[in-house]
């Protein structure tokens, strides 16, 4: 359950990142995109920087997995 909610936070962070950019995105933006309060976002990430760091890790892991599958083919 918590993993699903973290996924929602990261999906919302990605949406805000692509819409507003890193500097203009706030935790409020992420919360609004999710339809929750700011405090709900803070239950899963420590702040905007933590959300973007986790998002970058997720995107990197996905890209690395795709590259490995392509190299194995």
N, C-alpha and C. Protein backbone atom coordinates (compact mmCIF):
# COMPACT_ATOMS: atom_id res chain seq x y z
N UNK A 1 0.82 -1.20 0.00
CA UNK A 1 0.00 0.00 0.00
C UNK A 1 0.86 1.27 0.00
N UNK A 2 1.86 1.32 0.88
CA UNK A 2 2.73 2.49 0.94
C UNK A 2 3.50 2.65 -0.36
N UNK A 3 3.89 1.53 -0.96
CA UNK A 3 4.61 1.58 -2.23
C UNK A 3 3.73 2.17 -3.31
N UNK A 4 2.44 1.81 -3.31
CA UNK A 4 1.51 2.37 -4.29
C UNK A 4 1.39 3.88 -4.12
N UNK A 5 1.33 4.32 -2.88
CA UNK A 5 1.19 5.75 -2.61
C UNK A 5 2.46 6.49 -3.00
N UNK A 6 3.62 5.88 -2.74
CA UNK A 6 4.88 6.49 -3.16
C UNK A 6 4.92 6.60 -4.68
N UNK A 7 4.43 5.59 -5.36
CA UNK A 7 4.36 5.63 -6.83
C UNK A 7 3.49 6.79 -7.28
N UNK A 8 2.37 7.02 -6.59
CA UNK A 8 1.50 8.16 -6.92
C UNK A 8 2.23 9.48 -6.71
N UNK A 9 2.98 9.58 -5.62
CA UNK A 9 3.75 10.80 -5.35
C UNK A 9 4.76 11.04 -6.47
N UNK A 10 5.47 9.99 -6.86
CA UNK A 10 6.49 10.14 -7.90
C UNK A 10 5.87 10.43 -9.26
N UNK A 11 4.72 9.83 -9.54
CA UNK A 11 4.01 10.15 -10.79
C UNK A 11 3.59 11.61 -10.81
N UNK A 12 3.08 12.10 -9.68
CA UNK A 12 2.68 13.51 -9.59
C UNK A 12 3.89 14.42 -9.70
N UNK A 13 5.00 14.03 -9.08
CA UNK A 13 6.23 14.82 -9.17
C UNK A 13 6.70 14.90 -10.61
N UNK A 14 6.61 13.80 -11.34
CA UNK A 14 7.01 13.79 -12.75
C UNK A 14 6.11 14.73 -13.56
N UNK A 15 4.81 14.65 -13.30
CA UNK A 15 3.86 15.53 -14.00
C UNK A 15 4.20 17.00 -13.74
N UNK A 16 4.46 17.34 -12.49
CA UNK A 16 4.79 18.73 -12.14
C UNK A 16 6.14 19.14 -12.72
N UNK A 17 7.10 18.24 -12.68
CA UNK A 17 8.42 18.52 -13.24
C UNK A 17 8.33 18.87 -14.71
N UNK A 18 7.56 18.09 -15.46
CA UNK A 18 7.45 18.35 -16.89
C UNK A 18 6.62 19.59 -17.18
N UNK A 19 5.71 19.93 -16.29
CA UNK A 19 4.86 21.10 -16.49
C UNK A 19 5.53 22.39 -16.05
N UNK A 20 6.14 22.39 -14.85
CA UNK A 20 6.66 23.63 -14.27
C UNK A 20 8.19 23.72 -14.24
N UNK A 21 8.87 22.60 -14.37
CA UNK A 21 10.32 22.59 -14.22
C UNK A 21 10.71 22.37 -12.77
N UNK A 22 11.98 22.08 -12.56
CA UNK A 22 12.46 21.75 -11.21
C UNK A 22 12.35 22.94 -10.27
N UNK A 23 12.77 24.09 -10.70
CA UNK A 23 12.81 25.25 -9.80
C UNK A 23 11.43 25.74 -9.39
N UNK A 24 10.46 25.65 -10.29
CA UNK A 24 9.14 26.21 -10.00
C UNK A 24 8.19 25.21 -9.33
N UNK A 25 8.52 23.94 -9.36
CA UNK A 25 7.65 22.94 -8.74
C UNK A 25 7.78 23.02 -7.22
N UNK A 26 6.64 22.93 -6.55
CA UNK A 26 6.62 22.93 -5.08
C UNK A 26 5.93 21.66 -4.59
N UNK A 27 6.07 21.39 -3.30
CA UNK A 27 5.36 20.26 -2.71
C UNK A 27 3.86 20.49 -2.82
N UNK A 28 3.44 21.73 -2.74
CA UNK A 28 2.02 22.05 -2.94
C UNK A 28 1.54 21.63 -4.32
N UNK A 29 2.37 21.85 -5.34
CA UNK A 29 2.01 21.43 -6.70
C UNK A 29 1.85 19.92 -6.77
N UNK A 30 2.77 19.20 -6.15
CA UNK A 30 2.70 17.74 -6.15
C UNK A 30 1.44 17.28 -5.43
N UNK A 31 1.15 17.89 -4.29
CA UNK A 31 -0.05 17.54 -3.53
C UNK A 31 -1.32 17.83 -4.33
N UNK A 32 -1.36 18.96 -5.00
CA UNK A 32 -2.52 19.32 -5.81
C UNK A 32 -2.70 18.33 -6.95
N UNK A 33 -1.61 17.94 -7.59
CA UNK A 33 -1.69 16.97 -8.69
C UNK A 33 -2.23 15.63 -8.20
N UNK A 34 -1.95 15.30 -6.94
CA UNK A 34 -2.44 14.05 -6.36
C UNK A 34 -3.84 14.18 -5.79
N UNK A 35 -4.25 15.42 -5.50
CA UNK A 35 -5.54 15.63 -4.85
C UNK A 35 -5.50 15.35 -3.36
N UNK A 36 -4.32 15.61 -2.75
CA UNK A 36 -4.15 15.38 -1.31
C UNK A 36 -3.54 16.63 -0.67
N UNK A 37 -3.39 16.59 0.65
CA UNK A 37 -2.77 17.70 1.35
C UNK A 37 -1.25 17.60 1.29
N UNK A 38 -0.60 18.70 1.59
CA UNK A 38 0.87 18.72 1.66
C UNK A 38 1.39 17.70 2.65
N UNK A 39 0.74 17.62 3.80
CA UNK A 39 1.20 16.69 4.84
C UNK A 39 1.13 15.24 4.36
N UNK A 40 0.18 14.93 3.48
CA UNK A 40 0.09 13.57 2.93
C UNK A 40 1.31 13.26 2.07
N UNK A 41 1.79 14.25 1.32
CA UNK A 41 2.99 14.06 0.50
C UNK A 41 4.19 13.82 1.40
N UNK A 42 4.27 14.58 2.50
CA UNK A 42 5.41 14.46 3.42
C UNK A 42 5.44 13.12 4.14
N UNK A 43 4.37 12.36 4.09
CA UNK A 43 4.39 11.02 4.68
C UNK A 43 5.25 10.06 3.85
N UNK A 44 5.48 10.40 2.58
CA UNK A 44 6.19 9.50 1.67
C UNK A 44 7.53 10.03 1.20
N UNK A 45 7.70 11.34 1.19
CA UNK A 45 8.98 11.95 0.82
C UNK A 45 9.28 13.09 1.79
N UNK A 46 10.57 13.42 1.93
CA UNK A 46 10.97 14.47 2.86
C UNK A 46 10.77 15.87 2.30
N UNK A 47 10.58 15.96 1.01
CA UNK A 47 10.39 17.26 0.37
C UNK A 47 10.54 17.12 -1.13
N UNK A 48 10.55 18.24 -1.79
CA UNK A 48 10.65 18.25 -3.25
C UNK A 48 11.94 17.59 -3.73
N UNK A 49 13.05 17.93 -3.10
CA UNK A 49 14.34 17.36 -3.53
C UNK A 49 14.35 15.84 -3.37
N UNK A 50 13.80 15.35 -2.28
CA UNK A 50 13.72 13.90 -2.07
C UNK A 50 12.83 13.25 -3.12
N UNK A 51 11.72 13.88 -3.43
CA UNK A 51 10.81 13.34 -4.46
C UNK A 51 11.52 13.27 -5.81
N UNK A 52 12.24 14.32 -6.18
CA UNK A 52 12.93 14.32 -7.46
C UNK A 52 14.10 13.34 -7.48
N UNK A 53 14.78 13.18 -6.34
CA UNK A 53 15.87 12.20 -6.26
C UNK A 53 15.31 10.79 -6.46
N UNK A 54 14.22 10.48 -5.78
CA UNK A 54 13.60 9.16 -5.93
C UNK A 54 13.06 8.96 -7.34
N UNK A 55 12.52 10.01 -7.92
CA UNK A 55 12.03 9.94 -9.29
C UNK A 55 13.19 9.66 -10.25
N UNK A 56 14.30 10.35 -10.07
CA UNK A 56 15.48 10.12 -10.92
C UNK A 56 15.97 8.69 -10.78
N UNK A 57 15.97 8.16 -9.56
CA UNK A 57 16.38 6.77 -9.35
C UNK A 57 15.45 5.81 -10.09
N UNK A 58 14.16 6.08 -10.03
CA UNK A 58 13.19 5.22 -10.71
C UNK A 58 13.38 5.28 -12.22
N UNK A 59 13.53 6.48 -12.76
CA UNK A 59 13.73 6.62 -14.20
C UNK A 59 15.04 5.96 -14.65
N UNK A 60 16.08 6.11 -13.85
CA UNK A 60 17.37 5.49 -14.17
C UNK A 60 17.24 3.97 -14.16
N UNK A 61 16.58 3.41 -13.17
CA UNK A 61 16.41 1.96 -13.08
C UNK A 61 15.64 1.43 -14.29
N UNK A 62 14.61 2.14 -14.69
CA UNK A 62 13.83 1.72 -15.86
C UNK A 62 14.66 1.77 -17.13
N UNK A 63 15.41 2.86 -17.31
CA UNK A 63 16.25 2.99 -18.51
C UNK A 63 17.34 1.93 -18.53
N UNK A 64 17.93 1.66 -17.38
CA UNK A 64 18.97 0.64 -17.29
C UNK A 64 18.39 -0.74 -17.62
N UNK A 65 17.20 -1.02 -17.13
CA UNK A 65 16.55 -2.29 -17.44
C UNK A 65 16.28 -2.45 -18.92
N UNK A 66 15.81 -1.38 -19.56
CA UNK A 66 15.57 -1.42 -21.01
C UNK A 66 16.87 -1.63 -21.77
N UNK A 67 17.92 -0.96 -21.35
CA UNK A 67 19.22 -1.10 -22.02
C UNK A 67 19.75 -2.53 -21.87
N UNK A 68 19.59 -3.10 -20.69
CA UNK A 68 20.05 -4.48 -20.48
C UNK A 68 19.27 -5.46 -21.34
N UNK A 69 17.96 -5.27 -21.43
CA UNK A 69 17.14 -6.15 -22.27
C UNK A 69 17.53 -6.00 -23.74
N UNK A 70 17.79 -4.78 -24.17
CA UNK A 70 18.18 -4.55 -25.56
C UNK A 70 19.55 -5.17 -25.85
N UNK A 71 20.45 -5.08 -24.90
CA UNK A 71 21.79 -5.65 -25.09
C UNK A 71 21.75 -7.18 -25.12
N UNK A 72 20.80 -7.75 -24.39
CA UNK A 72 20.68 -9.21 -24.34
C UNK A 72 20.00 -9.77 -25.58
N UNK A 73 19.28 -8.93 -26.29
CA UNK A 73 18.53 -9.40 -27.48
C UNK A 73 19.41 -9.58 -28.69
